[in-house]
N, C-alpha and C. Protein backbone atom coordinates (compact mmCIF):
# COMPACT_ATOMS: atom_id res chain seq x y z
N MET A 1 -142.74 51.95 89.91
CA MET A 1 -142.61 51.25 89.75
C MET A 1 -142.61 50.43 88.59
N SER A 2 -142.09 48.93 87.98
CA SER A 2 -142.81 48.75 86.67
C SER A 2 -143.08 46.99 87.54
N GLY A 3 -143.89 46.87 86.70
CA GLY A 3 -144.30 45.06 87.05
C GLY A 3 -143.04 43.94 87.14
N VAL A 4 -141.71 44.65 86.56
CA VAL A 4 -140.83 43.50 86.92
C VAL A 4 -140.12 43.60 88.54
N ASN A 5 -140.65 45.08 88.99
CA ASN A 5 -140.06 45.55 90.55
C ASN A 5 -141.12 45.25 91.36
N GLY A 6 -141.99 44.45 91.27
CA GLY A 6 -142.94 43.92 92.36
C GLY A 6 -144.31 44.69 92.30
N ASP A 7 -144.71 45.92 91.51
CA ASP A 7 -145.90 46.41 91.89
C ASP A 7 -146.62 45.65 90.91
N LYS A 8 -147.33 44.30 90.64
CA LYS A 8 -147.89 44.29 89.72
C LYS A 8 -149.26 44.45 89.97
N SER A 9 -150.08 44.50 91.00
CA SER A 9 -151.04 45.05 91.30
C SER A 9 -151.56 46.14 89.72
N ARG A 10 -150.96 47.28 90.65
CA ARG A 10 -150.74 48.53 89.90
C ARG A 10 -150.74 48.54 88.57
N PHE A 11 -149.68 47.90 88.19
CA PHE A 11 -149.15 47.50 86.73
C PHE A 11 -150.13 46.96 86.05
N ASN A 12 -150.92 46.10 86.77
CA ASN A 12 -151.95 44.89 85.52
C ASN A 12 -153.02 46.07 85.34
N ARG A 13 -153.48 46.18 86.44
CA ARG A 13 -154.56 47.26 86.28
C ARG A 13 -154.65 48.39 85.48
N VAL A 14 -153.46 49.00 85.57
CA VAL A 14 -153.24 50.01 84.37
C VAL A 14 -153.13 49.33 82.63
N ARG A 15 -152.14 48.25 82.64
CA ARG A 15 -151.98 47.84 81.88
C ARG A 15 -153.35 47.41 81.13
N LYS A 16 -154.12 46.72 81.58
CA LYS A 16 -155.76 46.62 81.31
C LYS A 16 -156.34 47.66 80.60
N GLN A 17 -156.33 49.08 81.45
CA GLN A 17 -157.20 49.89 81.36
C GLN A 17 -156.80 50.36 79.69
N LYS A 18 -155.26 50.14 79.87
CA LYS A 18 -154.82 51.13 78.63
C LYS A 18 -155.45 50.18 77.53
N LEU A 19 -155.38 48.58 77.24
CA LEU A 19 -155.84 47.85 76.46
C LEU A 19 -157.68 48.04 75.89
N ALA A 20 -158.05 48.19 77.18
CA ALA A 20 -159.36 48.78 77.06
C ALA A 20 -159.73 49.89 76.31
N ARG A 21 -159.27 50.48 76.49
CA ARG A 21 -159.24 52.50 75.98
C ARG A 21 -158.47 52.24 74.67
N ARG A 22 -157.83 51.49 74.08
CA ARG A 22 -157.26 51.11 72.74
C ARG A 22 -158.76 50.11 71.73
N ILE A 23 -158.95 49.31 72.30
CA ILE A 23 -160.09 48.74 71.84
C ILE A 23 -161.72 49.47 71.31
N ARG A 24 -161.61 50.35 72.78
CA ARG A 24 -162.53 51.59 72.51
C ARG A 24 -162.75 52.27 71.51
N ASN A 25 -161.32 52.96 71.60
CA ASN A 25 -161.00 54.21 70.62
C ASN A 25 -160.96 53.11 69.31
N ARG A 26 -160.83 51.96 69.12
CA ARG A 26 -160.34 51.29 67.40
C ARG A 26 -161.98 51.44 67.31
N GLU A 27 -163.11 50.90 67.86
CA GLU A 27 -164.38 50.52 67.71
C GLU A 27 -165.07 51.90 67.56
N LEU A 28 -164.75 53.07 68.24
CA LEU A 28 -164.95 54.64 68.07
C LEU A 28 -164.71 54.92 66.72
N PHE A 29 -163.59 54.74 66.36
CA PHE A 29 -163.16 55.04 65.11
C PHE A 29 -163.56 54.52 63.94
N LYS A 30 -163.67 53.26 64.17
CA LYS A 30 -164.41 52.68 63.05
C LYS A 30 -165.89 53.01 62.64
N ALA A 31 -166.47 52.97 63.89
CA ALA A 31 -167.89 53.45 63.76
C ALA A 31 -168.01 55.12 63.60
N ALA A 32 -167.28 55.76 63.62
CA ALA A 32 -167.14 57.30 63.03
C ALA A 32 -166.79 57.86 61.51
N SER A 33 -165.81 56.48 61.10
CA SER A 33 -165.26 56.27 59.65
C SER A 33 -166.94 56.03 58.86
N GLN A 34 -167.71 54.89 59.14
CA GLN A 34 -168.36 54.28 58.65
C GLN A 34 -169.49 55.42 58.20
N VAL A 35 -169.84 56.38 58.93
CA VAL A 35 -171.06 57.42 59.01
C VAL A 35 -170.92 58.31 58.34
N LYS A 36 -171.71 58.72 57.24
CA LYS A 36 -171.45 59.56 55.72
C LYS A 36 -172.00 60.90 56.04
N PRO A 37 -171.72 61.85 55.44
CA PRO A 37 -172.53 63.17 55.96
C PRO A 37 -173.88 62.77 55.08
N PRO A 38 -175.26 63.53 55.38
CA PRO A 38 -175.69 63.61 54.37
C PRO A 38 -175.89 64.30 53.28
N ALA A 39 -176.31 64.17 52.04
CA ALA A 39 -176.15 64.70 50.91
C ALA A 39 -176.53 66.38 50.95
N ALA A 40 -176.00 66.82 49.86
CA ALA A 40 -176.43 68.38 49.90
C ALA A 40 -178.02 68.21 48.93
N SER A 41 -178.81 69.06 49.24
CA SER A 41 -180.36 69.20 48.61
C SER A 41 -180.23 70.14 47.63
N ALA A 42 -180.64 69.96 46.80
CA ALA A 42 -180.87 71.29 45.67
C ALA A 42 -181.14 72.48 46.30
N SER A 43 -181.32 72.54 47.62
CA SER A 43 -181.87 74.08 48.28
C SER A 43 -180.32 74.56 48.52
N HIS A 44 -179.51 73.75 48.61
CA HIS A 44 -178.18 74.49 48.92
C HIS A 44 -177.49 74.84 47.66
N LYS A 45 -177.94 74.90 46.27
CA LYS A 45 -177.45 75.38 44.94
C LYS A 45 -177.50 77.02 45.16
N LYS A 46 -176.38 77.64 44.42
CA LYS A 46 -176.74 78.72 44.12
C LYS A 46 -177.92 78.80 42.70
N PRO A 47 -178.63 79.79 42.63
CA PRO A 47 -179.88 80.32 41.55
C PRO A 47 -178.70 80.28 40.34
N VAL A 48 -179.14 79.21 38.88
CA VAL A 48 -178.75 79.62 37.98
C VAL A 48 -179.20 81.04 36.97
N GLY A 49 -178.46 81.95 36.69
CA GLY A 49 -178.44 83.10 35.68
C GLY A 49 -179.29 84.31 37.17
N ALA A 50 -179.14 85.13 36.24
CA ALA A 50 -179.59 86.78 37.18
C ALA A 50 -180.43 87.31 36.59
């Protein structure tokens, strides 16, 4: 059923869940995009010459 056809309690509960999930996901992706990977140290470079 839909919100129009009378199942308002379930429809609104699911609607609020969807909205809350979107907000949580936006915050999660925003936080994940701000985290930068650590810079590679000098020990990861290949030795020069042989």
